[in-house]
Amino acid sequence: MTWPQTAYLLGVIVPAVVAIGALSWMVVQLTRSPLNRGLWVLTGCVTAGAAEYLLAWSQQTSPNGLAKLGQNLTMVVFQFLLVCFFLYSTNDAHRIRRQGLICLVAVALLLVFWVMTPSAYRGSPHDATFSPEFPFVSMRLFQLTGTIYAC
């Protein structure tokens, strides 16, 4: 087996099988306990994490930057659901609503900055961000928004 085949197997196939197995197990748990809110949130978290990983791999074939946008949006949703999972244990509905508002603001900012970025730069955000002639700040703001929300 060559290195590219091994990398594809270890980098795409194995995590995809693990994600499908985890999601299948979560669905079985949900059928046993459909009223458990924490389990619903955790299932959403696992789903968003799997989608984020798969979108990260699809960036190589997405020239228009949609995969990068999708990855960042699912990352924000993943982090929001993870925070909600822990907040459900405290039964603090006010903090959950506040986190939801922060998540919506982050999603709105990511969408605005993505739309503001010219389509020529959306496909290769890393090259565009670090080039000295990059005249647009929107890609830097796009990445900064995701980083701040992650913290």
Foldseek 3Di string as FASTA:
>chain_A
DDPVVVCCCVQPVVLVVVLVVVLVVLVVVCVVPVPDPLSVLVSLLSVLVSLLSVLVVCLVVDQQQPSVLSNLLSLLSNVLSVVVSVVVVVVDVVVNVVSVVLSVVLNVLLVVLSVVDDRNCNSPLVVLVPDPPNPDCSSVSNVVSSVVSVD
